[in-house]
Amino acid sequence: MEKWRLLWPEQGDDSILNKAKNCIIFKFMLNLIRTKIKLI
């Protein structure tokens, strides 16, 4: 859970750029998980 908190810092919640960056990171992580599942 702490890793997700690092991706979404509460102090940068008002920053649009931060939200966009976090969204890209989240999608990238999802894609990595999906490819790992496909490989297995």
PDB file of N, CA and C in Angstrom:
ATOM      1  N   MET A   1       0.828  -1.215   0.000  1.00  0.00           N
ATOM      2  CA  MET A   1       0.000   0.000   0.000  1.00  0.00           C
ATOM      3  C   MET A   1       0.860   1.261   0.000  1.00  0.00           C
ATOM      4  N   GLU A   2       2.013   1.203   0.645  1.00  0.00           N
ATOM      5  CA  GLU A   2       2.877   2.386   0.720  1.00  0.00           C
ATOM      6  C   GLU A   2       3.437   2.769  -0.643  1.00  0.00           C
ATOM      7  N   LYS A   3       3.630   1.774  -1.497  1.00  0.00           N
ATOM      8  CA  LYS A   3       4.121   2.070  -2.852  1.00  0.00           C
ATOM      9  C   LYS A   3       3.107   2.907  -3.623  1.00  0.00           C
ATOM     10  N   TRP A   4       1.798   2.603  -3.435  1.00  0.00           N
ATOM     11  CA  TRP A   4       0.763   3.376  -4.118  1.00  0.00           C
ATOM     12  C   TRP A   4       0.714   4.801  -3.581  1.00  0.00           C
ATOM     13  N   ARG A   5       1.012   4.988  -2.299  1.00  0.00           N
ATOM     14  CA  ARG A   5       1.028   6.325  -1.705  1.00  0.00           C
ATOM     15  C   ARG A   5       2.154   7.159  -2.294  1.00  0.00           C
ATOM     16  N   LEU A   6       3.256   6.506  -2.636  1.00  0.00           N
ATOM     17  CA  LEU A   6       4.366   7.214  -3.271  1.00  0.00           C
ATOM     18  C   LEU A   6       3.980   7.682  -4.673  1.00  0.00           C
ATOM     19  N   LEU A   7       3.169   6.873  -5.365  1.00  0.00           N
ATOM     20  CA  LEU A   7       2.719   7.244  -6.707  1.00  0.00           C
ATOM     21  C   LEU A   7       1.721   8.398  -6.669  1.00  0.00           C
ATOM     22  N   TRP A   8       0.919   8.455  -5.607  1.00  0.00           N
ATOM     23  CA  TRP A   8      -0.074   9.518  -5.473  1.00  0.00           C
ATOM     24  C   TRP A   8       0.166  10.324  -4.203  1.00  0.00           C
ATOM     25  N   PRO A   9       1.179  11.215  -4.221  1.00  0.00           N
ATOM     26  CA  PRO A   9       1.431  12.045  -3.037  1.00  0.00           C
ATOM     27  C   PRO A   9       0.291  13.032  -2.803  1.00  0.00           C
ATOM     28  N   GLU A  10      -0.182  13.097  -1.565  1.00  0.00           N
ATOM     29  CA  GLU A  10      -1.340  13.933  -1.240  1.00  0.00           C
ATOM     30  C   GLU A  10      -1.052  15.420  -1.412  1.00  0.00           C
ATOM     31  N   GLN A  11       0.190  15.829  -1.200  1.00  0.00           N
ATOM     32  CA  GLN A  11       0.517  17.250  -1.315  1.00  0.00           C
ATOM     33  C   GLN A  11       0.456  17.733  -2.770  1.00  0.00           C
ATOM     34  N   GLY A  12       0.655  16.822  -3.732  1.00  0.00           N
ATOM     35  CA  GLY A  12       0.634  17.200  -5.144  1.00  0.00           C
ATOM     36  C   GLY A  12      -0.702  16.901  -5.813  1.00  0.00           C
ATOM     37  N   ASP A  13      -1.736  16.731  -4.999  1.00  0.00           N
ATOM     38  CA  ASP A  13      -3.046  16.340  -5.521  1.00  0.00           C
ATOM     39  C   ASP A  13      -3.674  17.432  -6.365  1.00  0.00           C
ATOM     40  N   ASP A  14      -3.348  18.704  -6.064  1.00  0.00           N
ATOM     41  CA  ASP A  14      -3.941  19.821  -6.807  1.00  0.00           C
ATOM     42  C   ASP A  14      -3.241  20.054  -8.142  1.00  0.00           C
ATOM     43  N   SER A  15      -2.110  19.413  -8.352  1.00  0.00           N
ATOM     44  CA  SER A  15      -1.347  19.607  -9.585  1.00  0.00           C
ATOM     45  C   SER A  15      -1.881  18.722 -10.709  1.00  0.00           C
ATOM     46  N   ILE A  16      -2.275  19.357 -11.814  1.00  0.00           N
ATOM     47  CA  ILE A  16      -2.801  18.613 -12.976  1.00  0.00           C
ATOM     48  C   ILE A  16      -1.684  17.775 -13.604  1.00  0.00           C
ATOM     49  N   LEU A  17      -0.486  18.352 -13.671  1.00  0.00           N
ATOM     50  CA  LEU A  17       0.658  17.651 -14.251  1.00  0.00           C
ATOM     51  C   LEU A  17       0.981  16.388 -13.455  1.00  0.00           C
ATOM     52  N   ASN A  18       0.899  16.507 -12.130  1.00  0.00           N
ATOM     53  CA  ASN A  18       1.150  15.359 -11.252  1.00  0.00           C
ATOM     54  C   ASN A  18       0.114  14.265 -11.474  1.00  0.00           C
ATOM     55  N   LYS A  19      -1.151  14.655 -11.602  1.00  0.00           N
ATOM     56  CA  LYS A  19      -2.214  13.680 -11.847  1.00  0.00           C
ATOM     57  C   LYS A  19      -1.999  12.970 -13.177  1.00  0.00           C
ATOM     58  N   ALA A  20      -1.618  13.716 -14.202  1.00  0.00           N
ATOM     59  CA  ALA A  20      -1.376  13.138 -15.525  1.00  0.00           C
ATOM     60  C   ALA A  20      -0.211  12.148 -15.475  1.00  0.00           C
ATOM     61  N   LYS A  21       0.860  12.536 -14.770  1.00  0.00           N
ATOM     62  CA  LYS A  21       2.027  11.672 -14.635  1.00  0.00           C
ATOM     63  C   LYS A  21       1.663  10.389 -13.900  1.00  0.00           C
ATOM     64  N   ASN A  22       0.895  10.528 -12.823  1.00  0.00           N
ATOM     65  CA  ASN A  22       0.477   9.362 -12.044  1.00  0.00           C
ATOM     66  C   ASN A  22      -0.424   8.444 -12.854  1.00  0.00           C
ATOM     67  N   CYS A  23      -1.278   9.032 -13.698  1.00  0.00           N
ATOM     68  CA  CYS A  23      -2.172   8.249 -14.547  1.00  0.00           C
ATOM     69  C   CYS A  23      -1.357   7.424 -15.544  1.00  0.00           C
ATOM     70  N   ILE A  24      -0.320   8.034 -16.119  1.00  0.00           N
ATOM     71  CA  ILE A  24       0.554   7.332 -17.064  1.00  0.00           C
ATOM     72  C   ILE A  24       1.292   6.195 -16.353  1.00  0.00           C
ATOM     73  N   ILE A  25       1.776   6.459 -15.139  1.00  0.00           N
ATOM     74  CA  ILE A  25       2.476   5.438 -14.362  1.00  0.00           C
ATOM     75  C   ILE A  25       1.533   4.277 -14.059  1.00  0.00           C
ATOM     76  N   PHE A  26       0.302   4.609 -13.667  1.00  0.00           N
ATOM     77  CA  PHE A  26      -0.695   3.584 -13.327  1.00  0.00           C
ATOM     78  C   PHE A  26      -1.009   2.707 -14.538  1.00  0.00           C
ATOM     79  N   LYS A  27      -1.209   3.331 -15.711  1.00  0.00           N
ATOM     80  CA  LYS A  27      -1.492   2.574 -16.939  1.00  0.00           C
ATOM     81  C   LYS A  27      -0.304   1.714 -17.337  1.00  0.00           C
ATOM     82  N   PHE A  28       0.906   2.248 -17.161  1.00  0.00           N
ATOM     83  CA  PHE A  28       2.119   1.510 -17.472  1.00  0.00           C
ATOM     84  C   PHE A  28       2.246   0.274 -16.579  1.00  0.00           C
ATOM     85  N   MET A  29       1.943   0.457 -15.272  1.00  0.00           N
ATOM     86  CA  MET A  29       1.987  -0.655 -14.327  1.00  0.00           C
ATOM     87  C   MET A  29       0.959  -1.728 -14.699  1.00  0.00           C
ATOM     88  N   LEU A  30      -0.258  -1.298 -15.079  1.00  0.00           N
ATOM     89  CA  LEU A  30      -1.299  -2.241 -15.484  1.00  0.00           C
ATOM     90  C   LEU A  30      -0.860  -3.042 -16.704  1.00  0.00           C
ATOM     91  N   ASN A  31      -0.256  -2.370 -17.674  1.00  0.00           N
ATOM     92  CA  ASN A  31       0.220  -3.054 -18.883  1.00  0.00           C
ATOM     93  C   ASN A  31       1.307  -4.073 -18.554  1.00  0.00           C
ATOM     94  N   LEU A  32       2.201  -3.714 -17.627  1.00  0.00           N
ATOM     95  CA  LEU A  32       3.256  -4.643 -17.206  1.00  0.00           C
ATOM     96  C   LEU A  32       2.661  -5.884 -16.564  1.00  0.00           C
ATOM     97  N   ILE A  33       1.676  -5.674 -15.687  1.00  0.00           N
ATOM     98  CA  ILE A  33       1.016  -6.796 -15.012  1.00  0.00           C
ATOM     99  C   ILE A  33       0.313  -7.692 -16.036  1.00  0.00           C
ATOM    100  N   ARG A  34      -0.358  -7.087 -16.998  1.00  0.00           N
ATOM    101  CA  ARG A  34      -1.077  -7.860 -18.023  1.00  0.00           C
ATOM    102  C   ARG A  34      -0.122  -8.687 -18.876  1.00  0.00           C
ATOM    103  N   THR A  35       1.003  -8.105 -19.259  1.00  0.00           N
ATOM    104  CA  THR A  35       1.966  -8.853 -20.076  1.00  0.00           C
ATOM    105  C   THR A  35       2.593  -9.991 -19.279  1.00  0.00           C
ATOM    106  N   LYS A  36       2.828  -9.772 -17.977  1.00  0.00           N
ATOM    107  CA  LYS A  36       3.380 -10.833 -17.132  1.00  0.00           C
ATOM    108  C   LYS A  36       2.398 -11.989 -17.018  1.00  0.00           C
ATOM    109  N   ILE A  37       1.109 -11.670 -16.887  1.00  0.00           N
ATOM    110  CA  ILE A  37       0.078 -12.713 -16.802  1.00  0.00           C
ATOM    111  C   ILE A  37       0.016 -13.493 -18.125  1.00  0.00           C
ATOM    112  N   LYS A  38       0.126 -12.791 -19.241  1.00  0.00           N
ATOM    113  CA  LYS A  38       0.094 -13.451 -20.558  1.00  0.00           C
ATOM    114  C   LYS A  38       1.300 -14.373 -20.746  1.00  0.00           C
ATOM    115  N   LEU A  39       2.462 -13.950 -20.269  1.00  0.00           N
ATOM    116  CA  LEU A  39       3.666 -14.763 -20.385  1.00  0.00           C
ATOM    117  C   LEU A  39       3.554 -16.025 -19.541  1.00  0.00           C
ATOM    118  N   ILE A  40       2.895 -15.930 -18.403  1.00  0.00           N
ATOM    119  CA  ILE A  40       2.700 -17.100 -17.535  1.00  0.00           C
ATOM    120  C   ILE A  40       1.535 -17.910 -18.101  1.00  0.00           C
TER     121      ILE A  40
END
